[in-house]
N, C-alpha and C. Protein backbone atom coordinates (compact mmCIF):
# COMPACT_ATOMS: atom_id res chain seq x y z
N UNK A 1 81.40 110.33 82.80
CA UNK A 1 81.33 109.89 84.08
C UNK A 1 82.68 109.28 84.59
N UNK A 2 83.08 109.54 85.76
CA UNK A 2 84.39 108.93 86.17
C UNK A 2 84.11 108.28 87.56
N UNK A 3 84.82 107.06 87.74
CA UNK A 3 84.78 106.55 89.25
C UNK A 3 85.95 106.99 90.01
N UNK A 4 85.92 107.59 91.23
CA UNK A 4 87.08 107.87 91.98
C UNK A 4 87.37 106.95 93.09
N UNK A 5 88.34 106.04 93.06
CA UNK A 5 88.62 105.05 94.17
C UNK A 5 89.65 105.72 95.04
N UNK A 6 89.48 105.91 96.33
CA UNK A 6 90.40 106.47 97.19
C UNK A 6 90.67 105.26 98.34
N UNK A 7 92.00 104.86 98.45
CA UNK A 7 92.38 104.02 99.55
C UNK A 7 93.01 104.78 100.67
N UNK A 8 92.27 104.89 101.93
CA UNK A 8 92.83 105.86 102.64
C UNK A 8 93.01 105.29 104.15
N UNK A 9 93.60 106.02 105.12
CA UNK A 9 93.52 105.54 106.41
C UNK A 9 92.09 105.43 107.03
N UNK A 10 91.93 104.34 107.77
CA UNK A 10 90.64 104.49 108.55
C UNK A 10 90.28 105.68 109.40
N UNK A 11 91.32 106.22 109.81
CA UNK A 11 91.28 107.45 110.89
C UNK A 11 90.75 108.63 110.21
N UNK A 12 90.91 108.78 108.79
CA UNK A 12 90.56 109.94 108.06
C UNK A 12 89.36 109.79 107.43
N UNK A 13 88.66 108.97 107.55
CA UNK A 13 87.19 108.76 106.93
C UNK A 13 86.32 109.98 107.21
N UNK A 14 86.08 110.23 108.41
CA UNK A 14 85.25 111.29 108.91
C UNK A 14 85.79 112.57 108.09
N UNK A 15 86.90 112.91 108.15
CA UNK A 15 87.47 114.16 107.52
C UNK A 15 86.95 114.18 106.10
N UNK A 16 87.25 112.97 105.38
CA UNK A 16 87.10 112.87 104.05
C UNK A 16 85.38 113.31 103.61
N UNK A 17 84.66 112.50 104.45
CA UNK A 17 83.15 112.48 104.25
C UNK A 17 82.72 114.10 104.38
N UNK A 18 83.30 114.47 105.46
CA UNK A 18 82.91 116.16 105.73
C UNK A 18 83.40 116.96 104.51
N UNK A 19 84.68 116.62 103.94
CA UNK A 19 85.18 117.31 102.85
C UNK A 19 84.29 117.33 101.60
N UNK A 20 83.90 115.94 101.47
CA UNK A 20 83.02 115.77 100.28
C UNK A 20 81.54 116.32 100.35
N UNK A 21 81.08 116.25 101.63
CA UNK A 21 79.73 116.89 101.77
C UNK A 21 79.93 118.48 101.51
N UNK A 22 81.09 118.96 101.97
CA UNK A 22 81.21 120.55 101.73
C UNK A 22 81.12 121.01 100.20
N UNK A 23 81.55 120.12 99.20
CA UNK A 23 81.58 120.34 97.94
C UNK A 23 80.27 119.75 97.32
N UNK A 24 79.34 119.21 98.07
CA UNK A 24 78.19 118.76 97.48
C UNK A 24 78.05 117.23 97.03
N UNK A 25 79.07 116.58 97.50
CA UNK A 25 78.97 115.07 97.00
C UNK A 25 78.85 114.33 98.31
N UNK A 26 77.61 113.80 98.44
CA UNK A 26 77.15 113.06 99.52
C UNK A 26 77.14 111.57 99.36
N UNK A 27 76.96 111.14 98.01
CA UNK A 27 76.77 109.90 97.79
C UNK A 27 78.14 109.00 97.53
N UNK A 28 78.38 107.87 98.27
CA UNK A 28 79.67 107.31 98.36
C UNK A 28 79.42 105.94 98.71
N UNK A 29 80.43 105.10 98.48
CA UNK A 29 80.39 103.77 99.16
C UNK A 29 81.84 103.54 99.81
N UNK A 30 81.79 102.89 101.02
CA UNK A 30 82.95 102.71 101.94
C UNK A 30 82.96 101.16 102.04
N UNK A 31 84.31 100.53 101.82
CA UNK A 31 84.61 99.20 102.03
C UNK A 31 85.91 99.16 102.88
N UNK A 32 85.81 98.39 103.93
CA UNK A 32 87.05 98.00 104.92
C UNK A 32 87.80 97.13 104.04
N UNK A 33 89.07 97.58 103.65
CA UNK A 33 90.05 96.67 102.96
C UNK A 33 91.34 96.70 103.79
N UNK A 34 92.31 95.68 103.12
CA UNK A 34 93.41 95.61 103.59
C UNK A 34 94.57 95.79 102.46
N UNK A 35 95.80 96.41 102.93
CA UNK A 35 96.68 96.53 101.73
C UNK A 35 97.99 97.08 102.28
N UNK A 36 98.96 97.04 101.27
CA UNK A 36 100.22 97.53 101.51
C UNK A 36 100.86 98.13 100.40
N UNK A 37 101.84 99.13 100.61
CA UNK A 37 102.49 99.57 99.35
C UNK A 37 104.00 99.82 100.11
N UNK A 38 104.41 101.24 99.90
CA UNK A 38 105.77 101.66 100.39
C UNK A 38 105.90 101.23 102.01
N UNK A 39 104.78 101.47 102.58
CA UNK A 39 104.82 101.38 104.05
C UNK A 39 105.33 99.84 104.58
N UNK A 40 104.95 98.81 103.54
CA UNK A 40 105.38 97.48 103.87
C UNK A 40 104.94 97.00 105.17
N UNK A 41 104.04 97.33 105.95
CA UNK A 41 103.72 96.89 107.20
C UNK A 41 104.36 97.52 108.36
N UNK A 42 103.83 97.00 109.56
CA UNK A 42 104.49 97.56 110.74
C UNK A 42 104.75 96.40 111.80
N UNK A 43 105.84 96.67 112.57
CA UNK A 43 106.19 95.58 113.51
C UNK A 43 105.46 95.80 114.76
N UNK A 44 104.99 94.56 115.26
CA UNK A 44 104.09 94.74 116.44
C UNK A 44 104.80 93.44 117.44
N UNK A 45 104.43 93.66 118.77
CA UNK A 45 105.01 92.56 119.69
C UNK A 45 103.86 92.03 120.51
N UNK A 46 103.92 90.76 120.68
CA UNK A 46 102.83 90.07 121.40
C UNK A 46 103.22 88.96 122.32
N UNK A 47 103.29 89.13 123.46
CA UNK A 47 103.60 87.99 124.46
C UNK A 47 105.17 87.71 124.08
N UNK A 48 105.84 88.72 123.98
CA UNK A 48 107.50 88.78 123.94
C UNK A 48 107.87 88.28 122.66
N UNK A 49 106.99 88.16 121.41
CA UNK A 49 107.25 87.69 120.25
C UNK A 49 106.98 88.84 119.27
N UNK A 50 108.02 89.01 118.33
CA UNK A 50 107.83 90.14 117.36
C UNK A 50 107.18 89.71 116.10
N UNK A 51 106.16 90.27 115.56
CA UNK A 51 105.70 89.80 114.14
C UNK A 51 105.53 91.07 113.47
N UNK A 52 105.29 90.83 112.12
CA UNK A 52 105.09 91.98 111.27
C UNK A 52 103.52 92.04 110.60
N UNK A 53 102.74 92.98 110.80
CA UNK A 53 101.47 93.18 110.09
C UNK A 53 101.83 93.76 108.68
N UNK A 54 101.83 92.84 107.68
CA UNK A 54 102.16 93.20 106.33
C UNK A 54 100.90 93.79 105.63
N UNK A 55 99.80 93.58 105.93
CA UNK A 55 98.54 93.82 105.34
C UNK A 55 97.95 94.84 106.53
N UNK A 56 97.86 96.13 106.19
CA UNK A 56 97.32 97.12 106.98
C UNK A 56 95.78 97.51 106.77
N UNK A 57 95.17 97.60 107.70
CA UNK A 57 93.65 98.06 107.50
C UNK A 57 93.62 99.35 106.83
N UNK A 58 92.68 99.40 105.75
CA UNK A 58 92.55 100.68 105.14
C UNK A 58 91.01 100.86 104.63
N UNK A 59 90.59 101.84 104.20
CA UNK A 59 89.19 102.00 103.83
C UNK A 59 89.29 102.40 102.25
N UNK A 60 88.33 101.77 101.59
CA UNK A 60 88.19 102.21 100.12
C UNK A 60 87.01 103.09 99.98
N UNK A 61 87.10 104.35 99.45
CA UNK A 61 85.88 105.14 99.27
C UNK A 61 85.74 105.24 97.67
N UNK A 62 84.49 104.98 97.24
CA UNK A 62 84.12 105.02 95.92
C UNK A 62 83.13 106.08 95.72
N UNK A 63 83.50 106.87 94.65
CA UNK A 63 82.50 108.00 94.37
C UNK A 63 82.28 108.11 92.92
N UNK A 64 81.21 108.09 92.24
CA UNK A 64 80.95 108.22 90.77
C UNK A 64 80.58 109.71 90.63
N UNK A 65 81.28 110.34 89.77
CA UNK A 65 80.98 111.99 89.51
C UNK A 65 80.98 112.20 88.06
N UNK A 66 80.38 113.23 87.70
CA UNK A 66 80.36 113.79 86.23
C UNK A 66 81.98 114.31 86.05
N UNK A 67 82.33 114.17 84.79
CA UNK A 67 83.65 114.57 84.54
C UNK A 67 84.22 115.81 84.87
N UNK A 68 83.30 116.82 84.88
CA UNK A 68 83.55 118.08 85.40
C UNK A 68 83.88 118.21 86.87
N UNK A 69 83.52 117.22 87.72
CA UNK A 69 83.48 117.37 89.20
C UNK A 69 84.70 116.55 89.75
N UNK A 70 85.63 115.96 88.75
CA UNK A 70 86.65 115.10 89.15
C UNK A 70 87.57 115.74 89.96
N UNK A 71 88.16 116.99 89.50
CA UNK A 71 89.33 117.69 90.08
C UNK A 71 88.88 118.15 91.49
N UNK A 72 87.58 118.67 91.66
CA UNK A 72 87.22 118.98 92.96
C UNK A 72 87.05 118.03 93.94
N UNK A 73 86.69 116.83 93.39
CA UNK A 73 86.48 115.72 94.52
C UNK A 73 87.96 114.97 94.75
N UNK A 74 88.85 114.99 93.77
CA UNK A 74 90.10 114.40 94.09
C UNK A 74 90.85 115.51 95.01
N UNK A 75 90.71 116.71 94.82
CA UNK A 75 91.37 117.79 95.76
C UNK A 75 90.87 117.66 97.00
N UNK A 76 89.38 117.52 97.37
CA UNK A 76 88.92 117.35 98.65
C UNK A 76 89.42 116.16 99.21
N UNK A 77 89.46 114.92 98.69
CA UNK A 77 89.95 113.60 99.19
C UNK A 77 91.35 113.89 99.65
N UNK A 78 92.07 114.49 98.73
CA UNK A 78 93.78 114.53 99.09
C UNK A 78 93.79 115.44 100.37
N UNK A 79 93.18 116.46 100.32
CA UNK A 79 93.40 117.46 101.48
C UNK A 79 92.91 116.95 102.79
N UNK A 80 91.73 116.25 102.82
CA UNK A 80 91.18 115.64 103.97
C UNK A 80 91.97 114.47 104.54
N UNK A 81 92.45 113.71 103.61
CA UNK A 81 93.11 112.36 103.89
C UNK A 81 94.67 112.48 104.27
N UNK A 82 95.34 113.65 103.87
CA UNK A 82 96.81 113.83 103.91
C UNK A 82 97.21 113.87 105.40
N UNK A 83 98.12 113.22 105.80
CA UNK A 83 98.69 113.31 107.09
C UNK A 83 100.14 113.58 106.99
N UNK A 84 100.71 113.28 105.79
CA UNK A 84 102.17 113.67 105.48
C UNK A 84 103.04 112.60 105.85
N UNK A 85 102.50 111.55 106.15
CA UNK A 85 103.22 110.20 106.46
C UNK A 85 103.05 109.12 105.33
N UNK A 86 103.88 108.17 105.24
CA UNK A 86 103.72 106.96 104.64
C UNK A 86 102.51 106.36 104.91
N UNK A 87 101.75 105.84 103.95
CA UNK A 87 100.46 105.10 104.23
C UNK A 87 99.15 106.03 104.14
N UNK A 88 99.12 107.26 103.63
CA UNK A 88 98.24 108.12 103.57
C UNK A 88 97.26 107.54 102.44
N UNK A 89 97.82 106.89 101.49
CA UNK A 89 96.64 106.15 100.48
C UNK A 89 97.14 106.58 99.10
N UNK A 90 96.11 106.17 98.25
CA UNK A 90 96.15 106.35 96.71
C UNK A 90 94.84 106.59 96.37
N UNK A 91 94.69 107.49 95.26
CA UNK A 91 93.54 107.65 94.50
C UNK A 91 93.57 106.97 92.99
N UNK A 92 92.57 106.48 92.62
CA UNK A 92 92.49 106.13 91.23
C UNK A 92 91.16 106.55 90.44
N UNK A 93 91.31 107.06 89.40
CA UNK A 93 90.25 107.66 88.58
C UNK A 93 90.24 106.78 87.44
N UNK A 94 88.72 106.26 87.21
CA UNK A 94 88.54 105.36 86.10
C UNK A 94 87.30 105.64 85.34
N UNK A 95 87.33 105.51 84.00
CA UNK A 95 86.03 105.99 83.35
C UNK A 95 84.93 104.92 83.64
N UNK A 96 83.67 105.65 83.65
CA UNK A 96 82.47 104.71 83.86
C UNK A 96 81.61 104.86 82.59
N UNK A 97 81.51 103.61 82.00
CA UNK A 97 80.80 103.32 80.74
C UNK A 97 79.33 103.40 80.68
N UNK A 98 78.59 103.05 81.89
CA UNK A 98 77.16 103.29 82.02
C UNK A 98 76.86 103.12 83.51
N UNK A 99 75.70 103.75 83.74
CA UNK A 99 75.21 103.83 84.97
C UNK A 99 73.70 103.79 84.79
N UNK A 100 73.04 102.88 85.85
CA UNK A 100 71.69 102.78 85.94
C UNK A 100 71.15 102.79 87.21
N UNK A 101 70.13 103.44 87.55
CA UNK A 101 69.34 103.42 88.70
C UNK A 101 68.48 102.31 88.80
N UNK A 102 68.59 101.40 89.65
CA UNK A 102 67.95 100.13 89.67
C UNK A 102 66.41 100.49 90.03
N UNK A 103 66.13 101.27 90.97
CA UNK A 103 64.70 101.64 91.30
C UNK A 103 64.06 102.19 90.01
N UNK A 104 64.37 103.01 89.26
CA UNK A 104 63.67 103.61 88.05
C UNK A 104 64.17 103.23 86.79
N UNK A 105 65.32 102.70 86.66
CA UNK A 105 65.81 102.27 85.31
C UNK A 105 66.38 103.45 84.50
N UNK A 106 66.36 104.71 85.27
CA UNK A 106 67.14 105.90 84.76
C UNK A 106 68.64 105.30 84.28
N UNK A 107 69.04 106.20 83.36
CA UNK A 107 70.54 105.91 82.84
C UNK A 107 71.18 107.31 82.76
N UNK A 108 72.52 107.15 82.93
CA UNK A 108 73.50 108.28 82.60
C UNK A 108 73.59 109.34 83.81
N UNK A 109 73.63 110.66 83.45
CA UNK A 109 73.92 111.76 84.58
C UNK A 109 72.83 111.84 85.59
N UNK A 110 71.83 111.38 85.11
CA UNK A 110 70.43 111.56 85.90
C UNK A 110 70.56 110.65 87.06
N UNK A 111 71.41 109.73 86.93
CA UNK A 111 71.50 108.76 88.10
C UNK A 111 72.35 109.47 89.24
N UNK A 112 73.32 110.16 88.83
CA UNK A 112 74.11 110.78 89.89
C UNK A 112 73.31 111.89 90.66
């Protein structure tokens, strides 16, 4: 099993959810986060003073999938989240050592 963590623009969340649903992946976790990378923030003006927002709002989507589904999920997220501009986000794929369903105590692939 693999955990896919995608940091994306908040404006692209609905598109990513629809893309994941289209490939049969409906279980996910969303978290509001802030971050920066090459974009390094944006300049704003308030009451005549200029300031820089260097930590921009993003959304982290977490999905745990079987090893064979990783490429399809990554492709779906990339295509749905892409705007072609700096700040589109990043995707991280990390191995999951163990999964347990709290309600039943089931473990492994049955949990997915």
